[in-house]
Amino acid sequence: GINAEYGEFTEENIKQFLAEYEPPQIASSASQDFSSYFSQLTPCYDKHFLITKTFNSSRNPVDKPWITNGLKISSVTKHTLYNRWVGSRGKHTADMFKIAYVKYRKVHRTL
């Protein structure tokens, strides 16, 4: 995946941006003016100030060595219990799933 962040507003970046950006001509309607302004401003702004970084969305265990396989399994179980509780709200089984989730969450927080 790609993660986009805006970088620093250095004097050099601002000068380059201002040199390249040309404001649009004024049209007859406000919506056309804004559309024209936005379509010209955004690419120029992103070119000079946007920093893109790639990231691994699979949550690489090398990046977080404290997340063991047991913690992963435990987190999935907790998430499953929560989804069952939320999905059963208004039904007769809601209390049962809430109790199971709250107990498991309490144990999971102590890990």
PDB file of N, CA and C in Angstrom:
ATOM      1  N   GLY A   1       0.818  -1.174   0.000  1.00  0.00           N
ATOM      2  CA  GLY A   1       0.000   0.000   0.000  1.00  0.00           C
ATOM      3  C   GLY A   1       0.868   1.247   0.000  1.00  0.00           C
ATOM      4  N   ILE A   2       0.227   2.360  -0.169  1.00  0.00           N
ATOM      5  CA  ILE A   2       0.930   3.642  -0.181  1.00  0.00           C
ATOM      6  C   ILE A   2       0.329   4.533   0.890  1.00  0.00           C
ATOM      7  N   ASN A   3       1.190   5.177   1.624  1.00  0.00           N
ATOM      8  CA  ASN A   3       0.763   6.110   2.652  1.00  0.00           C
ATOM      9  C   ASN A   3       1.240   7.492   2.230  1.00  0.00           C
ATOM     10  N   ALA A   4       0.331   8.456   2.189  1.00  0.00           N
ATOM     11  CA  ALA A   4       0.698   9.803   1.751  1.00  0.00           C
ATOM     12  C   ALA A   4       0.704  10.743   2.941  1.00  0.00           C
ATOM     13  N   GLU A   5       1.750  11.518   3.051  1.00  0.00           N
ATOM     14  CA  GLU A   5       1.871  12.524   4.101  1.00  0.00           C
ATOM     15  C   GLU A   5       2.379  13.802   3.464  1.00  0.00           C
ATOM     16  N   TYR A   6       2.037  14.900   4.051  1.00  0.00           N
ATOM     17  CA  TYR A   6       2.550  16.167   3.552  1.00  0.00           C
ATOM     18  C   TYR A   6       3.839  16.498   4.272  1.00  0.00           C
ATOM     19  N   GLY A   7       4.833  16.878   3.493  1.00  0.00           N
ATOM     20  CA  GLY A   7       6.155  17.161   4.032  1.00  0.00           C
ATOM     21  C   GLY A   7       6.257  18.567   4.579  1.00  0.00           C
ATOM     22  N   GLU A   8       7.480  18.972   4.785  1.00  0.00           N
ATOM     23  CA  GLU A   8       7.742  20.288   5.358  1.00  0.00           C
ATOM     24  C   GLU A   8       7.519  21.378   4.316  1.00  0.00           C
ATOM     25  N   PHE A   9       7.079  22.504   4.783  1.00  0.00           N
ATOM     26  CA  PHE A   9       6.895  23.662   3.932  1.00  0.00           C
ATOM     27  C   PHE A   9       8.177  24.495   3.984  1.00  0.00           C
ATOM     28  N   THR A  10       9.175  24.052   3.226  1.00  0.00           N
ATOM     29  CA  THR A  10      10.442  24.773   3.195  1.00  0.00           C
ATOM     30  C   THR A  10      10.324  25.956   2.236  1.00  0.00           C
ATOM     31  N   GLU A  11      11.204  26.888   2.389  1.00  0.00           N
ATOM     32  CA  GLU A  11      11.187  28.078   1.541  1.00  0.00           C
ATOM     33  C   GLU A  11      11.382  27.690   0.071  1.00  0.00           C
ATOM     34  N   GLU A  12      12.238  26.701  -0.166  1.00  0.00           N
ATOM     35  CA  GLU A  12      12.496  26.257  -1.533  1.00  0.00           C
ATOM     36  C   GLU A  12      11.238  25.633  -2.147  1.00  0.00           C
ATOM     37  N   ASN A  13      10.544  24.772  -1.386  1.00  0.00           N
ATOM     38  CA  ASN A  13       9.312  24.161  -1.878  1.00  0.00           C
ATOM     39  C   ASN A  13       8.257  25.208  -2.197  1.00  0.00           C
ATOM     40  N   ILE A  14       8.120  26.183  -1.335  1.00  0.00           N
ATOM     41  CA  ILE A  14       7.114  27.230  -1.536  1.00  0.00           C
ATOM     42  C   ILE A  14       7.449  28.051  -2.778  1.00  0.00           C
ATOM     43  N   LYS A  15       8.722  28.381  -2.970  1.00  0.00           N
ATOM     44  CA  LYS A  15       9.129  29.157  -4.152  1.00  0.00           C
ATOM     45  C   LYS A  15       8.852  28.365  -5.438  1.00  0.00           C
ATOM     46  N   GLN A  16       9.172  27.083  -5.432  1.00  0.00           N
ATOM     47  CA  GLN A  16       8.920  26.256  -6.608  1.00  0.00           C
ATOM     48  C   GLN A  16       7.420  26.150  -6.889  1.00  0.00           C
ATOM     49  N   PHE A  17       6.653  25.987  -5.825  1.00  0.00           N
ATOM     50  CA  PHE A  17       5.195  25.897  -5.981  1.00  0.00           C
ATOM     51  C   PHE A  17       4.633  27.181  -6.580  1.00  0.00           C
ATOM     52  N   LEU A  18       5.031  28.329  -6.033  1.00  0.00           N
ATOM     53  CA  LEU A  18       4.511  29.606  -6.513  1.00  0.00           C
ATOM     54  C   LEU A  18       4.955  29.902  -7.944  1.00  0.00           C
ATOM     55  N   ALA A  19       6.140  29.442  -8.317  1.00  0.00           N
ATOM     56  CA  ALA A  19       6.619  29.668  -9.680  1.00  0.00           C
ATOM     57  C   ALA A  19       5.835  28.833 -10.690  1.00  0.00           C
ATOM     58  N   GLU A  20       5.409  27.655 -10.289  1.00  0.00           N
ATOM     59  CA  GLU A  20       4.712  26.755 -11.216  1.00  0.00           C
ATOM     60  C   GLU A  20       3.208  26.996 -11.260  1.00  0.00           C
ATOM     61  N   TYR A  21       2.623  27.401 -10.149  1.00  0.00           N
ATOM     62  CA  TYR A  21       1.163  27.540 -10.074  1.00  0.00           C
ATOM     63  C   TYR A  21       0.683  28.824 -10.743  1.00  0.00           C
ATOM     64  N   GLU A  22      -0.315  28.670 -11.603  1.00  0.00           N
ATOM     65  CA  GLU A  22      -0.952  29.826 -12.226  1.00  0.00           C
ATOM     66  C   GLU A  22      -2.428  29.801 -11.864  1.00  0.00           C
ATOM     67  N   PRO A  23      -2.944  30.846 -11.241  1.00  0.00           N
ATOM     68  CA  PRO A  23      -4.365  30.867 -10.881  1.00  0.00           C
ATOM     69  C   PRO A  23      -5.244  30.811 -12.132  1.00  0.00           C
ATOM     70  N   PRO A  24      -6.386  30.152 -12.054  1.00  0.00           N
ATOM     71  CA  PRO A  24      -7.268  30.046 -13.217  1.00  0.00           C
ATOM     72  C   PRO A  24      -7.976  31.371 -13.502  1.00  0.00           C
ATOM     73  N   GLN A  25      -8.481  31.462 -14.721  1.00  0.00           N
ATOM     74  CA  GLN A  25      -9.264  32.630 -15.104  1.00  0.00           C
ATOM     75  C   GLN A  25     -10.623  32.570 -14.423  1.00  0.00           C
ATOM     76  N   ILE A  26     -11.185  33.712 -14.113  1.00  0.00           N
ATOM     77  CA  ILE A  26     -12.481  33.765 -13.442  1.00  0.00           C
ATOM     78  C   ILE A  26     -13.568  33.470 -14.464  1.00  0.00           C
ATOM     79  N   ALA A  27     -14.439  32.515 -14.129  1.00  0.00           N
ATOM     80  CA  ALA A  27     -15.548  32.127 -15.007  1.00  0.00           C
ATOM     81  C   ALA A  27     -16.827  32.816 -14.545  1.00  0.00           C
ATOM     82  N   SER A  28     -17.919  32.412 -15.136  1.00  0.00           N
ATOM     83  CA  SER A  28     -19.183  33.071 -14.822  1.00  0.00           C
ATOM     84  C   SER A  28     -19.834  32.557 -13.549  1.00  0.00           C
ATOM     85  N   SER A  29     -19.620  31.279 -13.191  1.00  0.00           N
ATOM     86  CA  SER A  29     -20.275  30.750 -11.989  1.00  0.00           C
ATOM     87  C   SER A  29     -19.241  30.364 -10.938  1.00  0.00           C
ATOM     88  N   ALA A  30     -19.675  30.402  -9.705  1.00  0.00           N
ATOM     89  CA  ALA A  30     -18.778  30.082  -8.591  1.00  0.00           C
ATOM     90  C   ALA A  30     -18.341  28.625  -8.625  1.00  0.00           C
ATOM     91  N   SER A  31     -19.242  27.725  -9.005  1.00  0.00           N
ATOM     92  CA  SER A  31     -18.877  26.311  -9.029  1.00  0.00           C
ATOM     93  C   SER A  31     -17.825  26.031 -10.104  1.00  0.00           C
ATOM     94  N   GLN A  32     -17.915  26.709 -11.255  1.00  0.00           N
ATOM     95  CA  GLN A  32     -16.892  26.546 -12.286  1.00  0.00           C
ATOM     96  C   GLN A  32     -15.567  27.134 -11.819  1.00  0.00           C
ATOM     97  N   ASP A  33     -15.627  28.278 -11.137  1.00  0.00           N
ATOM     98  CA  ASP A  33     -14.409  28.885 -10.612  1.00  0.00           C
ATOM     99  C   ASP A  33     -13.714  27.950  -9.636  1.00  0.00           C
ATOM    100  N   PHE A  34     -14.480  27.388  -8.716  1.00  0.00           N
ATOM    101  CA  PHE A  34     -13.888  26.517  -7.721  1.00  0.00           C
ATOM    102  C   PHE A  34     -13.338  25.253  -8.360  1.00  0.00           C
ATOM    103  N   SER A  35     -14.088  24.652  -9.267  1.00  0.00           N
ATOM    104  CA  SER A  35     -13.627  23.440  -9.942  1.00  0.00           C
ATOM    105  C   SER A  35     -12.325  23.692 -10.682  1.00  0.00           C
ATOM    106  N   SER A  36     -12.257  24.804 -11.384  1.00  0.00           N
ATOM    107  CA  SER A  36     -11.048  25.148 -12.121  1.00  0.00           C
ATOM    108  C   SER A  36      -9.883  25.377 -11.167  1.00  0.00           C
ATOM    109  N   TYR A  37     -10.130  26.123 -10.105  1.00  0.00           N
ATOM    110  CA  TYR A  37      -9.110  26.415  -9.093  1.00  0.00           C
ATOM    111  C   TYR A  37      -8.598  25.123  -8.471  1.00  0.00           C
ATOM    112  N   PHE A  38      -9.517  24.261  -8.045  1.00  0.00           N
ATOM    113  CA  PHE A  38      -9.143  23.042  -7.350  1.00  0.00           C
ATOM    114  C   PHE A  38      -8.408  22.078  -8.270  1.00  0.00           C
ATOM    115  N   SER A  39      -8.856  21.953  -9.521  1.00  0.00           N
ATOM    116  CA  SER A  39      -8.206  21.017 -10.447  1.00  0.00           C
ATOM    117  C   SER A  39      -6.801  21.477 -10.829  1.00  0.00           C
ATOM    118  N   GLN A  40      -6.519  22.766 -10.748  1.00  0.00           N
ATOM    119  CA  GLN A  40      -5.168  23.246 -11.042  1.00  0.00           C
ATOM    120  C   GLN A  40      -4.291  23.281  -9.798  1.00  0.00           C
ATOM    121  N   LEU A  41      -4.883  23.567  -8.662  1.00  0.00           N
ATOM    122  CA  LEU A  41      -4.107  23.692  -7.429  1.00  0.00           C
ATOM    123  C   LEU A  41      -3.641  22.343  -6.892  1.00  0.00           C
ATOM    124  N   THR A  42      -4.509  21.355  -6.862  1.00  0.00           N
ATOM    125  CA  THR A  42      -4.205  20.079  -6.216  1.00  0.00           C
ATOM    126  C   THR A  42      -2.985  19.367  -6.805  1.00  0.00           C
ATOM    127  N   PRO A  43      -2.900  19.158  -8.118  1.00  0.00           N
ATOM    128  CA  PRO A  43      -1.704  18.463  -8.640  1.00  0.00           C
ATOM    129  C   PRO A  43      -0.408  19.224  -8.375  1.00  0.00           C
ATOM    130  N   CYS A  44      -0.458  20.521  -8.500  1.00  0.00           N
ATOM    131  CA  CYS A  44       0.741  21.323  -8.260  1.00  0.00           C
ATOM    132  C   CYS A  44       1.152  21.249  -6.785  1.00  0.00           C
ATOM    133  N   TYR A  45       0.179  21.356  -5.893  1.00  0.00           N
ATOM    134  CA  TYR A  45       0.439  21.282  -4.458  1.00  0.00           C
ATOM    135  C   TYR A  45       1.020  19.921  -4.083  1.00  0.00           C
ATOM    136  N   ASP A  46       0.386  18.851  -4.606  1.00  0.00           N
ATOM    137  CA  ASP A  46       0.865  17.508  -4.301  1.00  0.00           C
ATOM    138  C   ASP A  46       2.268  17.265  -4.839  1.00  0.00           C
ATOM    139  N   LYS A  47       2.581  17.836  -5.981  1.00  0.00           N
ATOM    140  CA  LYS A  47       3.908  17.664  -6.574  1.00  0.00           C
ATOM    141  C   LYS A  47       5.006  18.226  -5.682  1.00  0.00           C
ATOM    142  N   HIS A  48       4.730  19.347  -5.029  1.00  0.00           N
ATOM    143  CA  HIS A  48       5.775  20.005  -4.254  1.00  0.00           C
ATOM    144  C   HIS A  48       5.758  19.677  -2.758  1.00  0.00           C
ATOM    145  N   PHE A  49       4.636  19.251  -2.235  1.00  0.00           N
ATOM    146  CA  PHE A  49       4.551  19.054  -0.787  1.00  0.00           C
ATOM    147  C   PHE A  49       4.186  17.643  -0.344  1.00  0.00           C
ATOM    148  N   LEU A  50       3.739  16.773  -1.244  1.00  0.00           N
ATOM    149  CA  LEU A  50       3.295  15.444  -0.857  1.00  0.00           C
ATOM    150  C   LEU A  50       4.456  14.469  -0.839  1.00  0.00           C
ATOM    151  N   ILE A  51       4.559  13.710   0.231  1.00  0.00           N
ATOM    152  CA  ILE A  51       5.577  12.676   0.364  1.00  0.00           C
ATOM    153  C   ILE A  51       4.836  11.342   0.411  1.00  0.00           C
ATOM    154  N   THR A  52       5.163  10.435  -0.477  1.00  0.00           N
ATOM    155  CA  THR A  52       4.521   9.126  -0.459  1.00  0.00           C
ATOM    156  C   THR A  52       5.500   8.104   0.078  1.00  0.00           C
ATOM    157  N   LYS A  53       4.988   7.248   0.917  1.00  0.00           N
ATOM    158  CA  LYS A  53       5.787   6.182   1.506  1.00  0.00           C
ATOM    159  C   LYS A  53       5.040   4.876   1.306  1.00  0.00           C
ATOM    160  N   THR A  54       5.757   3.830   0.983  1.00  0.00           N
ATOM    161  CA  THR A  54       5.122   2.519   0.877  1.00  0.00           C
ATOM    162  C   THR A  54       5.170   1.850   2.241  1.00  0.00           C
ATOM    163  N   PHE A  55       4.166   1.062   2.510  1.00  0.00           N
ATOM    164  CA  PHE A  55       4.132   0.341   3.770  1.00  0.00           C
ATOM    165  C   PHE A  55       3.587  -1.053   3.524  1.00  0.00           C
ATOM    166  N   ASN A  56       3.884  -1.934   4.423  1.00  0.00           N
ATOM    167  CA  ASN A  56       3.431  -3.312   4.335  1.00  0.00           C
ATOM    168  C   ASN A  56       2.155  -3.435   5.147  1.00  0.00           C
ATOM    169  N   SER A  57       1.052  -3.682   4.484  1.00  0.00           N
ATOM    170  CA  SER A  57      -0.221  -3.733   5.187  1.00  0.00           C
ATOM    171  C   SER A  57      -0.462  -5.066   5.882  1.00  0.00           C
ATOM    172  N   SER A  58       0.441  -6.019   5.716  1.00  0.00           N
ATOM    173  CA  SER A  58       0.244  -7.318   6.343  1.00  0.00           C
ATOM    174  C   SER A  58       0.760  -7.347   7.780  1.00  0.00           C
ATOM    175  N   ARG A  59       1.159  -6.212   8.284  1.00  0.00           N
ATOM    176  CA  ARG A  59       1.658  -6.111   9.663  1.00  0.00           C
ATOM    177  C   ARG A  59       2.801  -7.091   9.901  1.00  0.00           C
ATOM    178  N   ASN A  60       3.874  -6.792   9.293  1.00  0.00           N
ATOM    179  CA  ASN A  60       5.058  -7.628   9.322  1.00  0.00           C
ATOM    180  C   ASN A  60       5.527  -7.850  10.762  1.00  0.00           C
ATOM    181  N   PRO A  61       5.685  -9.111  11.181  1.00  0.00           N
ATOM    182  CA  PRO A  61       6.138  -9.376  12.555  1.00  0.00           C
ATOM    183  C   PRO A  61       7.555  -8.888  12.827  1.00  0.00           C
ATOM    184  N   VAL A  62       8.331  -8.642  11.777  1.00  0.00           N
ATOM    185  CA  VAL A  62       9.680  -8.125  11.980  1.00  0.00           C
ATOM    186  C   VAL A  62       9.602  -6.708  12.549  1.00  0.00           C
ATOM    187  N   ASP A  63       8.588  -5.930  12.133  1.00  0.00           N
ATOM    188  CA  ASP A  63       8.421  -4.574  12.628  1.00  0.00           C
ATOM    189  C   ASP A  63       7.943  -4.541  14.078  1.00  0.00           C
ATOM    190  N   LYS A  64       7.201  -5.565  14.484  1.00  0.00           N
ATOM    191  CA  LYS A  64       6.649  -5.612  15.844  1.00  0.00           C
ATOM    192  C   LYS A  64       6.960  -6.973  16.471  1.00  0.00           C
ATOM    193  N   PRO A  65       8.173  -7.153  16.934  1.00  0.00           N
ATOM    194  CA  PRO A  65       8.555  -8.474  17.437  1.00  0.00           C
ATOM    195  C   PRO A  65       7.838  -8.869  18.733  1.00  0.00           C
ATOM    196  N   TRP A  66       7.225  -7.935  19.423  1.00  0.00           N
ATOM    197  CA  TRP A  66       6.524  -8.244  20.666  1.00  0.00           C
ATOM    198  C   TRP A  66       5.162  -8.888  20.406  1.00  0.00           C
ATOM    199  N   ILE A  67       4.684  -8.844  19.154  1.00  0.00           N
ATOM    200  CA  ILE A  67       3.408  -9.468  18.814  1.00  0.00           C
ATOM    201  C   ILE A  67       3.699 -10.929  18.481  1.00  0.00           C
ATOM    202  N   THR A  68       3.423 -11.798  19.419  1.00  0.00           N
ATOM    203  CA  THR A  68       3.673 -13.218  19.215  1.00  0.00           C
ATOM    204  C   THR A  68       2.468 -13.859  18.535  1.00  0.00           C
ATOM    205  N   ASN A  69       2.634 -15.110  18.097  1.00  0.00           N
ATOM    206  CA  ASN A  69       1.514 -15.828  17.482  1.00  0.00           C
ATOM    207  C   ASN A  69       0.362 -15.990  18.466  1.00  0.00           C
ATOM    208  N   GLY A  70       0.684 -16.194  19.732  1.00  0.00           N
ATOM    209  CA  GLY A  70      -0.360 -16.312  20.755  1.00  0.00           C
ATOM    210  C   GLY A  70      -1.158 -15.027  20.895  1.00  0.00           C
ATOM    211  N   LEU A  71      -0.474 -13.878  20.865  1.00  0.00           N
ATOM    212  CA  LEU A  71      -1.189 -12.598  20.946  1.00  0.00           C
ATOM    213  C   LEU A  71      -2.057 -12.364  19.713  1.00  0.00           C
ATOM    214  N   LYS A  72      -1.563 -12.753  18.536  1.00  0.00           N
ATOM    215  CA  LYS A  72      -2.362 -12.608  17.319  1.00  0.00           C
ATOM    216  C   LYS A  72      -3.642 -13.420  17.413  1.00  0.00           C
ATOM    217  N   ILE A  73      -3.512 -14.677  17.825  1.00  0.00           N
ATOM    218  CA  ILE A  73      -4.679 -15.556  17.955  1.00  0.00           C
ATOM    219  C   ILE A  73      -5.631 -15.009  19.000  1.00  0.00           C
ATOM    220  N   SER A  74      -5.094 -14.539  20.108  1.00  0.00           N
ATOM    221  CA  SER A  74      -5.912 -13.982  21.176  1.00  0.00           C
ATOM    222  C   SER A  74      -6.662 -12.735  20.708  1.00  0.00           C
ATOM    223  N   SER A  75      -6.013 -11.894  19.936  1.00  0.00           N
ATOM    224  CA  SER A  75      -6.662 -10.684  19.419  1.00  0.00           C
ATOM    225  C   SER A  75      -7.778 -11.030  18.439  1.00  0.00           C
ATOM    226  N   VAL A  76      -7.544 -12.035  17.607  1.00  0.00           N
ATOM    227  CA  VAL A  76      -8.580 -12.463  16.659  1.00  0.00           C
ATOM    228  C   VAL A  76      -9.782 -13.013  17.418  1.00  0.00           C
ATOM    229  N   THR A  77      -9.538 -13.794  18.457  1.00  0.00           N
ATOM    230  CA  THR A  77     -10.629 -14.335  19.272  1.00  0.00           C
ATOM    231  C   THR A  77     -11.420 -13.221  19.936  1.00  0.00           C
ATOM    232  N   LYS A  78     -10.726 -12.253  20.489  1.00  0.00           N
ATOM    233  CA  LYS A  78     -11.408 -11.125  21.128  1.00  0.00           C
ATOM    234  C   LYS A  78     -12.248 -10.361  20.117  1.00  0.00           C
ATOM    235  N   HIS A  79     -11.693 -10.135  18.941  1.00  0.00           N
ATOM    236  CA  HIS A  79     -12.418  -9.417  17.891  1.00  0.00           C
ATOM    237  C   HIS A  79     -13.674 -10.197  17.456  1.00  0.00           C
ATOM    238  N   THR A  80     -13.545 -11.520  17.353  1.00  0.00           N
ATOM    239  CA  THR A  80     -14.681 -12.365  16.983  1.00  0.00           C
ATOM    240  C   THR A  80     -15.777 -12.291  18.039  1.00  0.00           C
ATOM    241  N   LEU A  81     -15.394 -12.350  19.299  1.00  0.00           N
ATOM    242  CA  LEU A  81     -16.381 -12.239  20.383  1.00  0.00           C
ATOM    243  C   LEU A  81     -17.075 -10.886  20.357  1.00  0.00           C
ATOM    244  N   TYR A  82     -16.327  -9.827  20.095  1.00  0.00           N
ATOM    245  CA  TYR A  82     -16.921  -8.495  20.024  1.00  0.00           C
ATOM    246  C   TYR A  82     -17.940  -8.418  18.881  1.00  0.00           C
ATOM    247  N   ASN A  83     -17.558  -8.949  17.716  1.00  0.00           N
ATOM    248  CA  ASN A  83     -18.477  -8.923  16.570  1.00  0.00           C
ATOM    249  C   ASN A  83     -19.744  -9.729  16.845  1.00  0.00           C
ATOM    250  N   ARG A  84     -19.605 -10.845  17.524  1.00  0.00           N
ATOM    251  CA  ARG A  84     -20.797 -11.637  17.878  1.00  0.00           C
ATOM    252  C   ARG A  84     -21.691 -10.866  18.837  1.00  0.00           C
ATOM    253  N   TRP A  85     -21.078 -10.181  19.786  1.00  0.00           N
ATOM    254  CA  TRP A  85     -21.865  -9.393  20.747  1.00  0.00           C
ATOM    255  C   TRP A  85     -22.594  -8.256  20.037  1.00  0.00           C
ATOM    256  N   VAL A  86     -21.884  -7.521  19.193  1.00  0.00           N
ATOM    257  CA  VAL A  86     -22.507  -6.401  18.472  1.00  0.00           C
ATOM    258  C   VAL A  86     -23.597  -6.919  17.535  1.00  0.00           C
ATOM    259  N   GLY A  87     -23.356  -8.037  16.877  1.00  0.00           N
ATOM    260  CA  GLY A  87     -24.350  -8.598  15.962  1.00  0.00           C
ATOM    261  C   GLY A  87     -25.573  -9.151  16.649  1.00  0.00           C
ATOM    262  N   SER A  88     -25.457  -9.455  17.925  1.00  0.00           N
ATOM    263  CA  SER A  88     -26.589 -10.056  18.644  1.00  0.00           C
ATOM    264  C   SER A  88     -27.350  -9.058  19.502  1.00  0.00           C
ATOM    265  N   ARG A  89     -27.023  -7.786  19.415  1.00  0.00           N
ATOM    266  CA  ARG A  89     -27.747  -6.794  20.217  1.00  0.00           C
ATOM    267  C   ARG A  89     -29.222  -6.815  19.857  1.00  0.00           C
ATOM    268  N   GLY A  90     -30.048  -6.792  20.877  1.00  0.00           N
ATOM    269  CA  GLY A  90     -31.491  -6.846  20.675  1.00  0.00           C
ATOM    270  C   GLY A  90     -32.029  -8.263  20.649  1.00  0.00           C
ATOM    271  N   LYS A  91     -31.161  -9.254  20.675  1.00  0.00           N
ATOM    272  CA  LYS A  91     -31.587 -10.656  20.668  1.00  0.00           C
ATOM    273  C   LYS A  91     -31.404 -11.231  22.070  1.00  0.00           C
ATOM    274  N   HIS A  92     -31.966 -12.396  22.299  1.00  0.00           N
ATOM    275  CA  HIS A  92     -31.874 -13.001  23.628  1.00  0.00           C
ATOM    276  C   HIS A  92     -30.468 -13.482  23.968  1.00  0.00           C
ATOM    277  N   THR A  93     -29.599 -13.651  22.964  1.00  0.00           N
ATOM    278  CA  THR A  93     -28.227 -14.120  23.211  1.00  0.00           C
ATOM    279  C   THR A  93     -27.244 -12.968  23.454  1.00  0.00           C
ATOM    280  N   ALA A  94     -27.720 -11.737  23.412  1.00  0.00           N
ATOM    281  CA  ALA A  94     -26.818 -10.582  23.528  1.00  0.00           C
ATOM    282  C   ALA A  94     -26.073 -10.575  24.859  1.00  0.00           C
ATOM    283  N   ASP A  95     -26.769 -10.853  25.950  1.00  0.00           N
ATOM    284  CA  ASP A  95     -26.128 -10.852  27.263  1.00  0.00           C
ATOM    285  C   ASP A  95     -25.041 -11.915  27.363  1.00  0.00           C
ATOM    286  N   MET A  96     -25.301 -13.072  26.790  1.00  0.00           N
ATOM    287  CA  MET A  96     -24.326 -14.162  26.829  1.00  0.00           C
ATOM    288  C   MET A  96     -23.039 -13.753  26.089  1.00  0.00           C
ATOM    289  N   PHE A  97     -23.179 -13.163  24.895  1.00  0.00           N
ATOM    290  CA  PHE A  97     -22.019 -12.750  24.133  1.00  0.00           C
ATOM    291  C   PHE A  97     -21.299 -11.573  24.787  1.00  0.00           C
ATOM    292  N   LYS A  98     -22.060 -10.680  25.422  1.00  0.00           N
ATOM    293  CA  LYS A  98     -21.431  -9.541  26.099  1.00  0.00           C
ATOM    294  C   LYS A  98     -20.573 -10.032  27.262  1.00  0.00           C
ATOM    295  N   ILE A  99     -21.100 -10.935  28.052  1.00  0.00           N
ATOM    296  CA  ILE A  99     -20.354 -11.471  29.202  1.00  0.00           C
ATOM    297  C   ILE A  99     -19.088 -12.175  28.722  1.00  0.00           C
ATOM    298  N   ALA A 100     -19.213 -12.988  27.674  1.00  0.00           N
ATOM    299  CA  ALA A 100     -18.040 -13.703  27.149  1.00  0.00           C
ATOM    300  C   ALA A 100     -16.990 -12.721  26.645  1.00  0.00           C
ATOM    301  N   TYR A 101     -17.437 -11.684  25.916  1.00  0.00           N
ATOM    302  CA  TYR A 101     -16.489 -10.699  25.389  1.00  0.00           C
ATOM    303  C   TYR A 101     -15.812  -9.922  26.511  1.00  0.00           C
ATOM    304  N   VAL A 102     -16.573  -9.461  27.491  1.00  0.00           N
ATOM    305  CA  VAL A 102     -16.009  -8.661  28.584  1.00  0.00           C
ATOM    306  C   VAL A 102     -15.001  -9.479  29.388  1.00  0.00           C
ATOM    307  N   LYS A 103     -15.314 -10.745  29.661  1.00  0.00           N
ATOM    308  CA  LYS A 103     -14.376 -11.601  30.394  1.00  0.00           C
ATOM    309  C   LYS A 103     -13.098 -11.827  29.596  1.00  0.00           C
ATOM    310  N   TYR A 104     -13.244 -12.100  28.297  1.00  0.00           N
ATOM    311  CA  TYR A 104     -12.068 -12.357  27.473  1.00  0.00           C
ATOM    312  C   TYR A 104     -11.233 -11.093  27.318  1.00  0.00           C
ATOM    313  N   ARG A 105     -11.906  -9.960  27.170  1.00  0.00           N
ATOM    314  CA  ARG A 105     -11.181  -8.675  27.053  1.00  0.00           C
ATOM    315  C   ARG A 105     -10.370  -8.405  28.309  1.00  0.00           C
ATOM    316  N   LYS A 106     -10.950  -8.692  29.451  1.00  0.00           N
ATOM    317  CA  LYS A 106     -10.246  -8.465  30.729  1.00  0.00           C
ATOM    318  C   LYS A 106      -8.981  -9.317  30.810  1.00  0.00           C
ATOM    319  N   VAL A 107      -9.084 -10.584  30.386  1.00  0.00           N
ATOM    320  CA  VAL A 107      -7.918 -11.467  30.388  1.00  0.00           C
ATOM    321  C   VAL A 107      -6.900 -11.000  29.343  1.00  0.00           C
ATOM    322  N   HIS A 108      -7.387 -10.606  28.175  1.00  0.00           N
ATOM    323  CA  HIS A 108      -6.502 -10.182  27.082  1.00  0.00           C
ATOM    324  C   HIS A 108      -5.706  -8.940  27.454  1.00  0.00           C
ATOM    325  N   ARG A 109      -6.298  -8.052  28.210  1.00  0.00           N
ATOM    326  CA  ARG A 109      -5.582  -6.821  28.610  1.00  0.00           C
ATOM    327  C   ARG A 109      -4.431  -7.091  29.569  1.00  0.00           C
ATOM    328  N   THR A 110      -4.488  -8.202  30.268  1.00  0.00           N
ATOM    329  CA  THR A 110      -3.425  -8.513  31.225  1.00  0.00           C
ATOM    330  C   THR A 110      -2.240  -9.219  30.575  1.00  0.00           C
ATOM    331  N   LEU A 111      -2.387  -9.598  29.297  1.00  0.00           N
ATOM    332  CA  LEU A 111      -1.288 -10.322  28.616  1.00  0.00           C
ATOM    333  C   LEU A 111      -0.100  -9.442  28.358  1.00  0.00           C
TER     334      LEU A 111
END
